[in-house]
Amino acid sequence: MATHHLAALVFALMAVPSFVFARWLAGGRLPLAGDSGMNVRDKALLDSRLARLMRMMGLAMLATALAVGLLCGDERRLAVVVVVMVLAVNGLAAACIWVVASARRRAGGGRR
């Protein structure tokens, strides 16, 4: 197995936890620490938003795996693909933090 195929496999395997977590969130199993003050509707909305963001992270990693597998010899393009993936996944992680923080703020009546 060539090195680029092994790297593509690693990226594809890194996407699996994102899809598992998205499925877990879509099932409404997000644990909330303490008394969050969220009602059922707000919690369901938070779960669906986080699940969508996690699916998008997984898709970004799968797209990277595909690109790494196809761009085997072109190191410059490969570096660009990896940088774009890192920016996309970190941006989506920041969006997850933003969604949780805004949901907590709304549930707390704007005190936080």
PDB file of N, CA and C in Angstrom:
ATOM      1  N   MET A   1       0.857  -1.177   0.000  1.00  0.00           N
ATOM      2  CA  MET A   1       0.000   0.000   0.000  1.00  0.00           C
ATOM      3  C   MET A   1       0.901   1.237   0.000  1.00  0.00           C
ATOM      4  N   ALA A   2       0.599   2.152  -0.890  1.00  0.00           N
ATOM      5  CA  ALA A   2       1.393   3.369  -1.007  1.00  0.00           C
ATOM      6  C   ALA A   2       1.140   4.291   0.181  1.00  0.00           C
ATOM      7  N   THR A   3       2.080   5.174   0.417  1.00  0.00           N
ATOM      8  CA  THR A   3       2.008   6.082   1.567  1.00  0.00           C
ATOM      9  C   THR A   3       0.784   6.982   1.488  1.00  0.00           C
ATOM     10  N   HIS A   4       0.464   7.482   0.291  1.00  0.00           N
ATOM     11  CA  HIS A   4      -0.690   8.375   0.170  1.00  0.00           C
ATOM     12  C   HIS A   4      -2.001   7.630   0.411  1.00  0.00           C
ATOM     13  N   HIS A   5      -2.038   6.356   0.067  1.00  0.00           N
ATOM     14  CA  HIS A   5      -3.246   5.579   0.347  1.00  0.00           C
ATOM     15  C   HIS A   5      -3.402   5.335   1.848  1.00  0.00           C
ATOM     16  N   LEU A   6      -2.296   5.122   2.521  1.00  0.00           N
ATOM     17  CA  LEU A   6      -2.325   4.953   3.975  1.00  0.00           C
ATOM     18  C   LEU A   6      -2.787   6.252   4.654  1.00  0.00           C
ATOM     19  N   ALA A   7      -2.294   7.388   4.169  1.00  0.00           N
ATOM     20  CA  ALA A   7      -2.723   8.681   4.719  1.00  0.00           C
ATOM     21  C   ALA A   7      -4.211   8.905   4.465  1.00  0.00           C
ATOM     22  N   ALA A   8      -4.685   8.534   3.288  1.00  0.00           N
ATOM     23  CA  ALA A   8      -6.112   8.675   2.983  1.00  0.00           C
ATOM     24  C   ALA A   8      -6.949   7.792   3.908  1.00  0.00           C
ATOM     25  N   LEU A   9      -6.476   6.604   4.181  1.00  0.00           N
ATOM     26  CA  LEU A   9      -7.177   5.708   5.096  1.00  0.00           C
ATOM     27  C   LEU A   9      -7.233   6.292   6.500  1.00  0.00           C
ATOM     28  N   VAL A  10      -6.141   6.910   6.944  1.00  0.00           N
ATOM     29  CA  VAL A  10      -6.112   7.534   8.267  1.00  0.00           C
ATOM     30  C   VAL A  10      -7.129   8.672   8.337  1.00  0.00           C
ATOM     31  N   PHE A  11      -7.186   9.515   7.303  1.00  0.00           N
ATOM     32  CA  PHE A  11      -8.174  10.600   7.284  1.00  0.00           C
ATOM     33  C   PHE A  11      -9.598  10.051   7.294  1.00  0.00           C
ATOM     34  N   ALA A  12      -9.830   8.987   6.544  1.00  0.00           N
ATOM     35  CA  ALA A  12     -11.172   8.401   6.512  1.00  0.00           C
ATOM     36  C   ALA A  12     -11.542   7.823   7.875  1.00  0.00           C
ATOM     37  N   LEU A  13     -10.594   7.186   8.541  1.00  0.00           N
ATOM     38  CA  LEU A  13     -10.867   6.639   9.872  1.00  0.00           C
ATOM     39  C   LEU A  13     -11.081   7.741  10.901  1.00  0.00           C
ATOM     40  N   MET A  14     -10.433   8.886  10.712  1.00  0.00           N
ATOM     41  CA  MET A  14     -10.632  10.006  11.634  1.00  0.00           C
ATOM     42  C   MET A  14     -12.030  10.610  11.487  1.00  0.00           C
ATOM     43  N   ALA A  15     -12.688  10.368  10.376  1.00  0.00           N
ATOM     44  CA  ALA A  15     -14.034  10.891  10.160  1.00  0.00           C
ATOM     45  C   ALA A  15     -15.091  10.059  10.879  1.00  0.00           C
ATOM     46  N   VAL A  16     -14.794   8.815  11.167  1.00  0.00           N
ATOM     47  CA  VAL A  16     -15.772   7.914  11.779  1.00  0.00           C
ATOM     48  C   VAL A  16     -16.309   8.435  13.116  1.00  0.00           C
ATOM     49  N   PRO A  17     -15.455   8.903  14.042  1.00  0.00           N
ATOM     50  CA  PRO A  17     -16.002   9.405  15.311  1.00  0.00           C
ATOM     51  C   PRO A  17     -16.961  10.591  15.139  1.00  0.00           C
ATOM     52  N   SER A  18     -16.727  11.411  14.130  1.00  0.00           N
ATOM     53  CA  SER A  18     -17.633  12.534  13.881  1.00  0.00           C
ATOM     54  C   SER A  18     -19.029  12.032  13.528  1.00  0.00           C
ATOM     55  N   PHE A  19     -19.101  11.017  12.679  1.00  0.00           N
ATOM     56  CA  PHE A  19     -20.399  10.482  12.291  1.00  0.00           C
ATOM     57  C   PHE A  19     -21.071   9.734  13.442  1.00  0.00           C
ATOM     58  N   VAL A  20     -20.272   9.035  14.242  1.00  0.00           N
ATOM     59  CA  VAL A  20     -20.829   8.337  15.404  1.00  0.00           C
ATOM     60  C   VAL A  20     -21.401   9.345  16.399  1.00  0.00           C
ATOM     61  N   PHE A  21     -20.648  10.405  16.665  1.00  0.00           N
ATOM     62  CA  PHE A  21     -21.111  11.428  17.594  1.00  0.00           C
ATOM     63  C   PHE A  21     -22.331  12.155  17.052  1.00  0.00           C
ATOM     64  N   ALA A  22     -22.363  12.406  15.739  1.00  0.00           N
ATOM     65  CA  ALA A  22     -23.532  13.055  15.134  1.00  0.00           C
ATOM     66  C   ALA A  22     -24.771  12.175  15.284  1.00  0.00           C
ATOM     67  N   ARG A  23     -24.595  10.891  15.095  1.00  0.00           N
ATOM     68  CA  ARG A  23     -25.719   9.959  15.262  1.00  0.00           C
ATOM     69  C   ARG A  23     -26.187   9.946  16.717  1.00  0.00           C
ATOM     70  N   TRP A  24     -25.240   9.993  17.627  1.00  0.00           N
ATOM     71  CA  TRP A  24     -25.538  10.013  19.057  1.00  0.00           C
ATOM     72  C   TRP A  24     -26.310  11.278  19.418  1.00  0.00           C
ATOM     73  N   LEU A  25     -25.873  12.412  18.870  1.00  0.00           N
ATOM     74  CA  LEU A  25     -26.567  13.675  19.127  1.00  0.00           C
ATOM     75  C   LEU A  25     -27.957  13.692  18.509  1.00  0.00           C
ATOM     76  N   ALA A  26     -28.093  13.155  17.312  1.00  0.00           N
ATOM     77  CA  ALA A  26     -29.396  13.143  16.639  1.00  0.00           C
ATOM     78  C   ALA A  26     -30.405  12.309  17.419  1.00  0.00           C
ATOM     79  N   GLY A  27     -29.906  11.361  18.210  1.00  0.00           N
ATOM     80  CA  GLY A  27     -30.782  10.553  19.050  1.00  0.00           C
ATOM     81  C   GLY A  27     -31.211  11.261  20.321  1.00  0.00           C
ATOM     82  N   GLY A  28     -30.722  12.480  20.529  1.00  0.00           N
ATOM     83  CA  GLY A  28     -31.127  13.256  21.699  1.00  0.00           C
ATOM     84  C   GLY A  28     -30.439  12.847  22.983  1.00  0.00           C
ATOM     85  N   ARG A  29     -29.214  12.345  22.868  1.00  0.00           N
ATOM     86  CA  ARG A  29     -28.523  11.857  24.057  1.00  0.00           C
ATOM     87  C   ARG A  29     -27.396  12.780  24.505  1.00  0.00           C
ATOM     88  N   LEU A  30     -27.557  14.080  24.303  1.00  0.00           N
ATOM     89  CA  LEU A  30     -26.540  15.027  24.750  1.00  0.00           C
ATOM     90  C   LEU A  30     -26.656  15.215  26.250  1.00  0.00           C
ATOM     91  N   PRO A  31     -25.628  14.857  26.987  1.00  0.00           N
ATOM     92  CA  PRO A  31     -25.701  15.047  28.436  1.00  0.00           C
ATOM     93  C   PRO A  31     -25.461  16.516  28.787  1.00  0.00           C
ATOM     94  N   LEU A  32     -26.269  17.046  29.666  1.00  0.00           N
ATOM     95  CA  LEU A  32     -26.100  18.413  30.136  1.00  0.00           C
ATOM     96  C   LEU A  32     -25.694  18.376  31.591  1.00  0.00           C
ATOM     97  N   ALA A  33     -24.634  19.068  31.921  1.00  0.00           N
ATOM     98  CA  ALA A  33     -24.129  19.071  33.288  1.00  0.00           C
ATOM     99  C   ALA A  33     -24.970  19.996  34.155  1.00  0.00           C
ATOM    100  N   GLY A  34     -25.371  19.495  35.313  1.00  0.00           N
ATOM    101  CA  GLY A  34     -26.094  20.325  36.278  1.00  0.00           C
ATOM    102  C   GLY A  34     -27.449  20.769  35.777  1.00  0.00           C
ATOM    103  N   ASP A  35     -27.939  21.834  36.349  1.00  0.00           N
ATOM    104  CA  ASP A  35     -29.225  22.403  35.954  1.00  0.00           C
ATOM    105  C   ASP A  35     -28.980  23.415  34.847  1.00  0.00           C
ATOM    106  N   SER A  36     -29.222  23.001  33.619  1.00  0.00           N
ATOM    107  CA  SER A  36     -28.918  23.866  32.477  1.00  0.00           C
ATOM    108  C   SER A  36     -30.017  24.895  32.230  1.00  0.00           C
ATOM    109  N   GLY A  37     -31.212  24.633  32.724  1.00  0.00           N
ATOM    110  CA  GLY A  37     -32.320  25.547  32.490  1.00  0.00           C
ATOM    111  C   GLY A  37     -32.913  25.433  31.094  1.00  0.00           C
ATOM    112  N   MET A  38     -32.523  24.427  30.336  1.00  0.00           N
ATOM    113  CA  MET A  38     -33.046  24.249  28.977  1.00  0.00           C
ATOM    114  C   MET A  38     -34.326  23.441  29.012  1.00  0.00           C
ATOM    115  N   ASN A  39     -35.266  23.856  28.184  1.00  0.00           N
ATOM    116  CA  ASN A  39     -36.463  23.039  28.042  1.00  0.00           C
ATOM    117  C   ASN A  39     -36.213  22.000  26.942  1.00  0.00           C
ATOM    118  N   VAL A  40     -37.157  21.142  26.731  1.00  0.00           N
ATOM    119  CA  VAL A  40     -36.989  20.025  25.798  1.00  0.00           C
ATOM    120  C   VAL A  40     -36.789  20.532  24.370  1.00  0.00           C
ATOM    121  N   ARG A  41     -37.527  21.574  23.994  1.00  0.00           N
ATOM    122  CA  ARG A  41     -37.425  22.110  22.635  1.00  0.00           C
ATOM    123  C   ARG A  41     -36.038  22.705  22.387  1.00  0.00           C
ATOM    124  N   ASP A  42     -35.523  23.471  23.354  1.00  0.00           N
ATOM    125  CA  ASP A  42     -34.198  24.073  23.207  1.00  0.00           C
ATOM    126  C   ASP A  42     -33.108  23.009  23.140  1.00  0.00           C
ATOM    127  N   LYS A  43     -33.253  21.974  23.941  1.00  0.00           N
ATOM    128  CA  LYS A  43     -32.261  20.893  23.932  1.00  0.00           C
ATOM    129  C   LYS A  43     -32.293  20.144  22.597  1.00  0.00           C
ATOM    130  N   ALA A  44     -33.487  19.907  22.056  1.00  0.00           N
ATOM    131  CA  ALA A  44     -33.602  19.234  20.761  1.00  0.00           C
ATOM    132  C   ALA A  44     -32.985  20.087  19.648  1.00  0.00           C
ATOM    133  N   LEU A  45     -33.182  21.393  19.722  1.00  0.00           N
ATOM    134  CA  LEU A  45     -32.603  22.294  18.733  1.00  0.00           C
ATOM    135  C   LEU A  45     -31.075  22.282  18.825  1.00  0.00           C
ATOM    136  N   LEU A  46     -30.562  22.315  20.045  1.00  0.00           N
ATOM    137  CA  LEU A  46     -29.108  22.252  20.241  1.00  0.00           C
ATOM    138  C   LEU A  46     -28.553  20.934  19.713  1.00  0.00           C
ATOM    139  N   ASP A  47     -29.229  19.838  20.023  1.00  0.00           N
ATOM    140  CA  ASP A  47     -28.784  18.526  19.538  1.00  0.00           C
ATOM    141  C   ASP A  47     -28.733  18.481  18.015  1.00  0.00           C
ATOM    142  N   SER A  48     -29.765  18.991  17.355  1.00  0.00           N
ATOM    143  CA  SER A  48     -29.800  18.921  15.889  1.00  0.00           C
ATOM    144  C   SER A  48     -28.729  19.814  15.270  1.00  0.00           C
ATOM    145  N   ARG A  49     -28.484  20.976  15.846  1.00  0.00           N
ATOM    146  CA  ARG A  49     -27.441  21.862  15.312  1.00  0.00           C
ATOM    147  C   ARG A  49     -26.061  21.237  15.478  1.00  0.00           C
ATOM    148  N   LEU A  50     -25.803  20.687  16.650  1.00  0.00           N
ATOM    149  CA  LEU A  50     -24.507  20.051  16.874  1.00  0.00           C
ATOM    150  C   LEU A  50     -24.333  18.816  15.992  1.00  0.00           C
ATOM    151  N   ALA A  51     -25.397  18.053  15.802  1.00  0.00           N
ATOM    152  CA  ALA A  51     -25.317  16.868  14.939  1.00  0.00           C
ATOM    153  C   ALA A  51     -24.991  17.278  13.503  1.00  0.00           C
ATOM    154  N   ARG A  52     -25.615  18.350  13.027  1.00  0.00           N
ATOM    155  CA  ARG A  52     -25.345  18.827  11.664  1.00  0.00           C
ATOM    156  C   ARG A  52     -23.884  19.278  11.530  1.00  0.00           C
ATOM    157  N   LEU A  53     -23.375  19.995  12.528  1.00  0.00           N
ATOM    158  CA  LEU A  53     -21.983  20.441  12.486  1.00  0.00           C
ATOM    159  C   LEU A  53     -21.013  19.256  12.522  1.00  0.00           C
ATOM    160  N   MET A  54     -21.324  18.244  13.322  1.00  0.00           N
ATOM    161  CA  MET A  54     -20.464  17.066  13.387  1.00  0.00           C
ATOM    162  C   MET A  54     -20.470  16.293  12.061  1.00  0.00           C
ATOM    163  N   ARG A  55     -21.637  16.202  11.417  1.00  0.00           N
ATOM    164  CA  ARG A  55     -21.685  15.555  10.099  1.00  0.00           C
ATOM    165  C   ARG A  55     -20.849  16.332   9.087  1.00  0.00           C
ATOM    166  N   MET A  56     -20.892  17.660   9.173  1.00  0.00           N
ATOM    167  CA  MET A  56     -20.100  18.482   8.262  1.00  0.00           C
ATOM    168  C   MET A  56     -18.602  18.274   8.500  1.00  0.00           C
ATOM    169  N   MET A  57     -18.203  18.107   9.756  1.00  0.00           N
ATOM    170  CA  MET A  57     -16.793  17.809  10.056  1.00  0.00           C
ATOM    171  C   MET A  57     -16.386  16.474   9.444  1.00  0.00           C
ATOM    172  N   GLY A  58     -17.235  15.481   9.610  1.00  0.00           N
ATOM    173  CA  GLY A  58     -16.944  14.167   9.039  1.00  0.00           C
ATOM    174  C   GLY A  58     -16.835  14.216   7.522  1.00  0.00           C
ATOM    175  N   LEU A  59     -17.728  14.970   6.887  1.00  0.00           N
ATOM    176  CA  LEU A  59     -17.667  15.093   5.432  1.00  0.00           C
ATOM    177  C   LEU A  59     -16.403  15.816   4.983  1.00  0.00           C
ATOM    178  N   ALA A  60     -15.979  16.821   5.743  1.00  0.00           N
ATOM    179  CA  ALA A  60     -14.734  17.525   5.403  1.00  0.00           C
ATOM    180  C   ALA A  60     -13.550  16.566   5.477  1.00  0.00           C
ATOM    181  N   MET A  61     -13.539  15.697   6.475  1.00  0.00           N
ATOM    182  CA  MET A  61     -12.437  14.742   6.599  1.00  0.00           C
ATOM    183  C   MET A  61     -12.495  13.671   5.510  1.00  0.00           C
ATOM    184  N   LEU A  62     -13.714  13.249   5.150  1.00  0.00           N
ATOM    185  CA  LEU A  62     -13.829  12.276   4.046  1.00  0.00           C
ATOM    186  C   LEU A  62     -13.402  12.889   2.717  1.00  0.00           C
ATOM    187  N   ALA A  63     -13.755  14.150   2.512  1.00  0.00           N
ATOM    188  CA  ALA A  63     -13.319  14.836   1.286  1.00  0.00           C
ATOM    189  C   ALA A  63     -11.800  14.946   1.253  1.00  0.00           C
ATOM    190  N   THR A  64     -11.210  15.187   2.392  1.00  0.00           N
ATOM    191  CA  THR A  64      -9.746  15.240   2.464  1.00  0.00           C
ATOM    192  C   THR A  64      -9.147  13.874   2.150  1.00  0.00           C
ATOM    193  N   ALA A  65      -9.751  12.829   2.691  1.00  0.00           N
ATOM    194  CA  ALA A  65      -9.262  11.477   2.404  1.00  0.00           C
ATOM    195  C   ALA A  65      -9.321  11.183   0.910  1.00  0.00           C
ATOM    196  N   LEU A  66     -10.404  11.572   0.262  1.00  0.00           N
ATOM    197  CA  LEU A  66     -10.538  11.370  -1.175  1.00  0.00           C
ATOM    198  C   LEU A  66      -9.474  12.158  -1.935  1.00  0.00           C
ATOM    199  N   ALA A  67      -9.278  13.409  -1.546  1.00  0.00           N
ATOM    200  CA  ALA A  67      -8.282  14.238  -2.224  1.00  0.00           C
ATOM    201  C   ALA A  67      -6.872  13.695  -2.022  1.00  0.00           C
ATOM    202  N   VAL A  68      -6.574  13.237  -0.813  1.00  0.00           N
ATOM    203  CA  VAL A  68      -5.243  12.670  -0.552  1.00  0.00           C
ATOM    204  C   VAL A  68      -5.036  11.414  -1.399  1.00  0.00           C
ATOM    205  N   GLY A  69      -6.074  10.614  -1.541  1.00  0.00           N
ATOM    206  CA  GLY A  69      -5.965   9.412  -2.354  1.00  0.00           C
ATOM    207  C   GLY A  69      -5.794   9.706  -3.839  1.00  0.00           C
ATOM    208  N   LEU A  70      -6.410  10.784  -4.300  1.00  0.00           N
ATOM    209  CA  LEU A  70      -6.338  11.105  -5.724  1.00  0.00           C
ATOM    210  C   LEU A  70      -5.111  11.937  -6.100  1.00  0.00           C
ATOM    211  N   LEU A  71      -4.661  12.782  -5.200  1.00  0.00           N
ATOM    212  CA  LEU A  71      -3.526  13.673  -5.490  1.00  0.00           C
ATOM    213  C   LEU A  71      -2.230  13.074  -4.970  1.00  0.00           C
ATOM    214  N   CYS A  72      -1.944  11.878  -5.384  1.00  0.00           N
ATOM    215  CA  CYS A  72      -0.830  11.146  -4.795  1.00  0.00           C
ATOM    216  C   CYS A  72       0.529  11.788  -5.034  1.00  0.00           C
ATOM    217  N   GLY A  73       0.776  12.347  -6.184  1.00  0.00           N
ATOM    218  CA  GLY A  73       2.119  12.818  -6.480  1.00  0.00           C
ATOM    219  C   GLY A  73       2.325  14.314  -6.321  1.00  0.00           C
ATOM    220  N   ASP A  74       1.280  15.076  -6.261  1.00  0.00           N
ATOM    221  CA  ASP A  74       1.410  16.532  -6.244  1.00  0.00           C
ATOM    222  C   ASP A  74       1.427  17.047  -4.804  1.00  0.00           C
ATOM    223  N   GLU A  75       2.619  17.221  -4.269  1.00  0.00           N
ATOM    224  CA  GLU A  75       2.774  17.599  -2.864  1.00  0.00           C
ATOM    225  C   GLU A  75       2.215  18.994  -2.576  1.00  0.00           C
ATOM    226  N   ARG A  76       2.337  19.907  -3.521  1.00  0.00           N
ATOM    227  CA  ARG A  76       1.849  21.274  -3.294  1.00  0.00           C
ATOM    228  C   ARG A  76       0.324  21.292  -3.163  1.00  0.00           C
ATOM    229  N   ARG A  77      -0.353  20.634  -4.068  1.00  0.00           N
ATOM    230  CA  ARG A  77      -1.818  20.566  -3.983  1.00  0.00           C
ATOM    231  C   ARG A  77      -2.261  19.803  -2.738  1.00  0.00           C
ATOM    232  N   LEU A  78      -1.539  18.795  -2.400  1.00  0.00           N
ATOM    233  CA  LEU A  78      -1.843  18.004  -1.205  1.00  0.00           C
ATOM    234  C   LEU A  78      -1.731  18.860   0.054  1.00  0.00           C
ATOM    235  N   ALA A  79      -0.711  19.698   0.108  1.00  0.00           N
ATOM    236  CA  ALA A  79      -0.551  20.597   1.255  1.00  0.00           C
ATOM    237  C   ALA A  79      -1.709  21.588   1.330  1.00  0.00           C
ATOM    238  N   VAL A  80      -2.147  22.084   0.189  1.00  0.00           N
ATOM    239  CA  VAL A  80      -3.286  23.012   0.160  1.00  0.00           C
ATOM    240  C   VAL A  80      -4.550  22.319   0.656  1.00  0.00           C
ATOM    241  N   VAL A  81      -4.766  21.083   0.228  1.00  0.00           N
ATOM    242  CA  VAL A  81      -5.949  20.330   0.662  1.00  0.00           C
ATOM    243  C   VAL A  81      -5.932  20.130   2.174  1.00  0.00           C
ATOM    244  N   VAL A  82      -4.790  19.777   2.722  1.00  0.00           N
ATOM    245  CA  VAL A  82      -4.692  19.542   4.166  1.00  0.00           C
ATOM    246  C   VAL A  82      -4.903  20.841   4.940  1.00  0.00           C
ATOM    247  N   VAL A  83      -4.351  21.945   4.462  1.00  0.00           N
ATOM    248  CA  VAL A  83      -4.556  23.232   5.132  1.00  0.00           C
ATOM    249  C   VAL A  83      -6.025  23.633   5.095  1.00  0.00           C
ATOM    250  N   VAL A  84      -6.674  23.447   3.964  1.00  0.00           N
ATOM    251  CA  VAL A  84      -8.108  23.772   3.853  1.00  0.00           C
ATOM    252  C   VAL A  84      -8.920  22.894   4.798  1.00  0.00           C
ATOM    253  N   MET A  85      -8.573  21.603   4.899  1.00  0.00           N
ATOM    254  CA  MET A  85      -9.290  20.719   5.815  1.00  0.00           C
ATOM    255  C   MET A  85      -9.103  21.158   7.261  1.00  0.00           C
ATOM    256  N   VAL A  86      -7.884  21.515   7.633  1.00  0.00           N
ATOM    257  CA  VAL A  86      -7.624  21.954   9.003  1.00  0.00           C
ATOM    258  C   VAL A  86      -8.436  23.211   9.316  1.00  0.00           C
ATOM    259  N   LEU A  87      -8.463  24.150   8.390  1.00  0.00           N
ATOM    260  CA  LEU A  87      -9.244  25.375   8.595  1.00  0.00           C
ATOM    261  C   LEU A  87     -10.739  25.077   8.687  1.00  0.00           C
ATOM    262  N   ALA A  88     -11.229  24.189   7.822  1.00  0.00           N
ATOM    263  CA  ALA A  88     -12.657  23.860   7.828  1.00  0.00           C
ATOM    264  C   ALA A  88     -13.058  23.162   9.123  1.00  0.00           C
ATOM    265  N   VAL A  89     -12.296  22.173   9.534  1.00  0.00           N
ATOM    266  CA  VAL A  89     -12.646  21.420  10.739  1.00  0.00           C
ATOM    267  C   VAL A  89     -12.531  22.298  11.986  1.00  0.00           C
ATOM    268  N   ASN A  90     -11.491  23.114  12.058  1.00  0.00           N
ATOM    269  CA  ASN A  90     -11.367  24.004  13.212  1.00  0.00           C
ATOM    270  C   ASN A  90     -12.446  25.081  13.214  1.00  0.00           C
ATOM    271  N   GLY A  91     -12.833  25.556  12.043  1.00  0.00           N
ATOM    272  CA  GLY A  91     -13.945  26.501  11.968  1.00  0.00           C
ATOM    273  C   GLY A  91     -15.250  25.866  12.426  1.00  0.00           C
ATOM    274  N   LEU A  92     -15.467  24.627  12.046  1.00  0.00           N
ATOM    275  CA  LEU A  92     -16.679  23.927  12.484  1.00  0.00           C
ATOM    276  C   LEU A  92     -16.638  23.639  13.983  1.00  0.00           C
ATOM    277  N   ALA A  93     -15.459  23.353  14.523  1.00  0.00           N
ATOM    278  CA  ALA A  93     -15.337  23.151  15.969  1.00  0.00           C
ATOM    279  C   ALA A  93     -15.636  24.455  16.705  1.00  0.00           C
ATOM    280  N   ALA A  94     -15.166  25.570  16.173  1.00  0.00           N
ATOM    281  CA  ALA A  94     -15.473  26.872  16.773  1.00  0.00           C
ATOM    282  C   ALA A  94     -16.972  27.150  16.685  1.00  0.00           C
ATOM    283  N   ALA A  95     -17.597  26.742  15.593  1.00  0.00           N
ATOM    284  CA  ALA A  95     -19.049  26.913  15.464  1.00  0.00           C
ATOM    285  C   ALA A  95     -19.783  26.077  16.503  1.00  0.00           C
ATOM    286  N   CYS A  96     -19.287  24.880  16.798  1.00  0.00           N
ATOM    287  CA  CYS A  96     -19.891  24.047  17.851  1.00  0.00           C
ATOM    288  C   CYS A  96     -19.827  24.758  19.196  1.00  0.00           C
ATOM    289  N   ILE A  97     -18.672  25.330  19.501  1.00  0.00           N
ATOM    290  CA  ILE A  97     -18.525  26.055  20.766  1.00  0.00           C
ATOM    291  C   ILE A  97     -19.476  27.248  20.811  1.00  0.00           C
ATOM    292  N   TRP A  98     -19.589  27.948  19.696  1.00  0.00           N
ATOM    293  CA  TRP A  98     -20.486  29.101  19.614  1.00  0.00           C
ATOM    294  C   TRP A  98     -21.948  28.678  19.821  1.00  0.00           C
ATOM    295  N   VAL A  99     -22.354  27.589  19.212  1.00  0.00           N
ATOM    296  CA  VAL A  99     -23.736  27.107  19.336  1.00  0.00           C
ATOM    297  C   VAL A  99     -24.040  26.735  20.783  1.00  0.00           C
ATOM    298  N   VAL A 100     -23.128  26.035  21.435  1.00  0.00           N
ATOM    299  CA  VAL A 100     -23.343  25.644  22.828  1.00  0.00           C
ATOM    300  C   VAL A 100     -23.385  26.871  23.732  1.00  0.00           C
ATOM    301  N   ALA A 101     -22.467  27.801  23.522  1.00  0.00           N
ATOM    302  CA  ALA A 101     -22.426  29.004  24.358  1.00  0.00           C
ATOM    303  C   ALA A 101     -23.684  29.840  24.185  1.00  0.00           C
ATOM    304  N   SER A 102     -24.154  29.986  22.960  1.00  0.00           N
ATOM    305  CA  SER A 102     -25.366  30.782  22.752  1.00  0.00           C
ATOM    306  C   SER A 102     -26.598  30.070  23.309  1.00  0.00           C
ATOM    307  N   ALA A 103     -26.624  28.738  23.245  1.00  0.00           N
ATOM    308  CA  ALA A 103     -27.753  28.001  23.819  1.00  0.00           C
ATOM    309  C   ALA A 103     -27.764  28.147  25.339  1.00  0.00           C
ATOM    310  N   ARG A 104     -26.595  28.104  25.944  1.00  0.00           N
ATOM    311  CA  ARG A 104     -26.507  28.290  27.405  1.00  0.00           C
ATOM    312  C   ARG A 104     -26.922  29.707  27.797  1.00  0.00           C
ATOM    313  N   ARG A 105     -26.526  30.679  26.990  1.00  0.00           N
ATOM    314  CA  ARG A 105     -26.895  32.065  27.264  1.00  0.00           C
ATOM    315  C   ARG A 105     -28.408  32.257  27.195  1.00  0.00           C
ATOM    316  N   ARG A 106     -29.017  31.669  26.165  1.00  0.00           N
ATOM    317  CA  ARG A 106     -30.480  31.774  26.032  1.00  0.00           C
ATOM    318  C   ARG A 106     -31.183  31.062  27.168  1.00  0.00           C
ATOM    319  N   ALA A 107     -30.674  29.901  27.571  1.00  0.00           N
ATOM    320  CA  ALA A 107     -31.308  29.140  28.642  1.00  0.00           C
ATOM    321  C   ALA A 107     -31.160  29.853  29.984  1.00  0.00           C
ATOM    322  N   GLY A 108     -30.082  30.577  30.151  1.00  0.00           N
ATOM    323  CA  GLY A 108     -29.845  31.294  31.400  1.00  0.00           C
ATOM    324  C   GLY A 108     -30.471  32.661  31.430  1.00  0.00           C
ATOM    325  N   GLY A 109     -31.191  33.034  30.405  1.00  0.00           N
ATOM    326  CA  GLY A 109     -31.850  34.337  30.368  1.00  0.00           C
ATOM    327  C   GLY A 109     -30.881  35.476  30.115  1.00  0.00           C
ATOM    328  N   GLY A 110     -29.726  35.183  29.488  1.00  0.00           N
ATOM    329  CA  GLY A 110     -28.765  36.215  29.156  1.00  0.00           C
ATOM    330  C   GLY A 110     -27.825  36.573  30.298  1.00  0.00           C
ATOM    331  N   ARG A 111     -27.859  35.832  31.391  1.00  0.00           N
ATOM    332  CA  ARG A 111     -26.973  36.141  32.523  1.00  0.00           C
ATOM    333  C   ARG A 111     -25.541  35.724  32.254  1.00  0.00           C
ATOM    334  N   ARG A 112     -25.304  34.770  31.384  1.00  0.00           N
ATOM    335  CA  ARG A 112     -23.947  34.234  31.192  1.00  0.00           C
ATOM    336  C   ARG A 112     -23.250  34.876  30.040  1.00  0.00           C
TER     337      ARG A 112
END
